[in-house]
Protein backbone atom coordinates (compact mmCIF):
# COMPACT_ATOMS: atom_id res chain seq x y z
CA UNK A 1 114.10 43.04 33.51
CA UNK A 2 117.00 40.61 32.99
CA UNK A 3 118.17 38.27 35.72
CA UNK A 4 121.33 36.26 36.23
CA UNK A 5 122.44 33.11 37.97
CA UNK A 6 122.91 34.92 41.28
CA UNK A 7 119.27 36.06 41.16
CA UNK A 8 118.11 32.49 40.53
CA UNK A 9 120.24 31.14 43.37
CA UNK A 10 119.01 33.82 45.75
CA UNK A 11 115.39 33.06 44.87
CA UNK A 12 115.85 29.32 45.36
CA UNK A 13 117.66 29.84 48.65
CA UNK A 14 114.90 32.13 49.94
CA UNK A 15 112.24 29.60 48.89
CA UNK A 16 114.04 26.72 50.59
CA UNK A 17 114.42 28.71 53.81
CA UNK A 18 110.81 29.86 53.72
CA UNK A 19 109.39 26.40 53.03
CA UNK A 20 111.60 24.49 55.50
CA UNK A 21 111.62 26.49 58.74
CA UNK A 22 112.01 23.25 60.71
CA UNK A 23 115.48 22.97 59.11
CA UNK A 24 116.57 26.59 58.69
CA UNK A 25 114.72 28.39 61.50
CA UNK A 26 113.29 27.78 64.93
CA UNK A 27 110.07 25.91 64.02
CA UNK A 28 109.76 22.61 65.87
CA UNK A 29 108.64 19.69 63.71
CA UNK A 30 109.81 16.33 65.01
CA UNK A 31 107.55 14.00 63.06
CA UNK A 32 106.59 13.70 59.39
CA UNK A 33 103.03 14.63 60.37
CA UNK A 34 104.20 17.88 61.99
CA UNK A 35 106.29 18.70 58.92
CA UNK A 36 103.28 18.02 56.66
CA UNK A 37 100.97 20.17 58.82
CA UNK A 38 103.48 23.02 58.76
CA UNK A 39 103.85 22.63 54.98
CA UNK A 40 100.07 22.99 54.51
CA UNK A 41 100.07 26.18 56.58
CA UNK A 42 102.97 27.62 54.60
CA UNK A 43 101.35 26.79 51.26
CA UNK A 44 98.05 28.35 52.38
CA UNK A 45 99.88 31.52 53.40
CA UNK A 46 101.76 31.64 50.07
CA UNK A 47 98.52 31.25 48.12
CA UNK A 48 96.85 33.94 50.17
CA UNK A 49 99.76 36.33 49.62
CA UNK A 50 99.57 35.72 45.86
CA UNK A 51 95.83 36.23 45.90
CA UNK A 52 95.41 32.75 44.42
CA UNK A 53 91.91 31.46 43.88
CA UNK A 54 90.54 29.37 46.69
CA UNK A 55 89.72 25.76 46.35
CA UNK A 56 91.70 22.58 46.72
CA UNK A 57 91.58 21.80 43.01
CA UNK A 58 92.90 25.18 41.87
CA UNK A 59 96.00 24.87 39.72
CA UNK A 60 95.52 21.28 38.58
CA UNK A 61 96.01 21.51 34.80
CA UNK A 62 93.01 20.40 32.73
CA UNK A 63 95.42 18.90 30.19
CA UNK A 64 97.22 16.73 32.75
CA UNK A 65 97.08 13.02 31.87
CA UNK A 66 93.86 11.55 33.26
CA UNK A 67 95.41 9.02 35.65
CA UNK A 68 97.81 11.55 37.16
CA UNK A 69 95.03 14.15 37.33
CA UNK A 70 92.69 11.72 39.13
CA UNK A 71 95.44 10.94 41.67
CA UNK A 72 96.04 14.66 42.25
CA UNK A 73 92.29 15.35 42.68
CA UNK A 74 91.95 12.52 45.20
CA UNK A 75 95.01 13.69 47.12
CA UNK A 76 93.92 17.32 47.25
CA UNK A 77 90.31 16.62 48.19
CA UNK A 78 91.37 14.17 50.87
CA UNK A 79 93.80 16.72 52.37
CA UNK A 80 91.00 19.30 52.35
CA UNK A 81 88.69 16.91 54.22
CA UNK A 82 86.50 16.47 51.14
CA UNK A 83 87.26 12.84 50.39
CA UNK A 84 83.54 12.09 50.56
CA UNK A 85 83.16 13.86 47.20
CA UNK A 86 85.63 11.43 45.65
CA UNK A 87 83.81 8.52 47.25
CA UNK A 88 80.46 9.73 45.93
CA UNK A 89 81.85 9.93 42.38
CA UNK A 90 83.58 6.57 42.78
CA UNK A 91 80.27 4.97 43.75
CA UNK A 92 78.23 6.61 41.01
CA UNK A 93 78.40 3.63 38.66
CA UNK A 94 80.03 3.20 35.27
CA UNK A 95 83.60 2.71 34.13
CA UNK A 96 84.79 6.20 35.12
CA UNK A 97 83.47 5.69 38.65
CA UNK A 98 85.21 2.31 38.86
CA UNK A 99 88.50 3.82 37.70
CA UNK A 100 88.22 6.73 40.15
CA UNK A 101 87.48 4.31 42.98
CA UNK A 102 90.62 2.31 42.14
CA UNK A 103 92.74 5.44 41.91
CA UNK A 104 91.38 6.64 45.28
CA UNK A 105 92.18 3.32 46.95
CA UNK A 106 95.71 3.31 45.57
CA UNK A 107 96.40 6.93 46.55
CA UNK A 108 95.02 6.39 50.04
CA UNK A 109 97.18 3.30 50.42
CA UNK A 110 100.25 5.36 49.51
CA UNK A 111 100.69 3.89 46.03
CA UNK A 112 101.28 5.75 42.76
CA UNK A 113 98.55 4.64 40.33
CA UNK A 114 100.56 5.66 37.26
CA UNK A 115 103.66 3.75 38.38
CA UNK A 116 101.57 0.70 39.29
CA UNK A 117 99.87 0.63 35.89
CA UNK A 118 103.12 1.25 34.05
CA UNK A 119 104.81 -1.65 35.83
CA UNK A 120 101.97 -4.03 34.93
CA UNK A 121 102.05 -2.92 31.29
CA UNK A 122 105.80 -3.51 31.12
CA UNK A 123 105.34 -6.87 32.84
CA UNK A 124 102.68 -7.91 30.32
CA UNK A 125 104.99 -7.04 27.44
CA UNK A 126 107.92 -8.99 28.91
CA UNK A 127 105.85 -12.12 29.57
CA UNK A 128 104.71 -12.26 25.95
CA UNK A 129 108.07 -11.40 24.49
CA UNK A 130 106.75 -8.09 23.21
CA UNK A 131 109.00 -5.17 23.95
CA UNK A 132 107.46 -1.92 25.20
CA UNK A 133 109.25 1.32 24.73
CA UNK A 134 110.77 2.46 28.02
CA UNK A 135 111.01 6.00 29.21
CA UNK A 136 114.51 7.40 29.07
CA UNK A 137 116.20 7.62 32.46
CA UNK A 138 115.79 11.02 34.04
């Protein structure tokens, strides 16, 4: 079934209204924490309506770059109250555990591990006069 620009706009508008009732409807959310709690409820309802598989890690692509995937796993498990699983893996010993522990600390401190590492790599290249290829501006 073909669709046109009006269909796309209508779908996006409906999604914005559905996901932001504190802006477009009568839901009261005065703090970022209230907005986040409401968001989690809305996402859970959307997943249930779609019949999506349960589990906080559902939908994280296996092919996602490892650093970004680790950050997503930490974030999702923490939100689900399962951060102890991350901690157990981070304390298991070995280089993977060390890396996961660092990623968990950065995510929990509100930092983006990928951006932090990228900045240090670029800094190392500049200090030595070696140019690193930069990502094109989005």
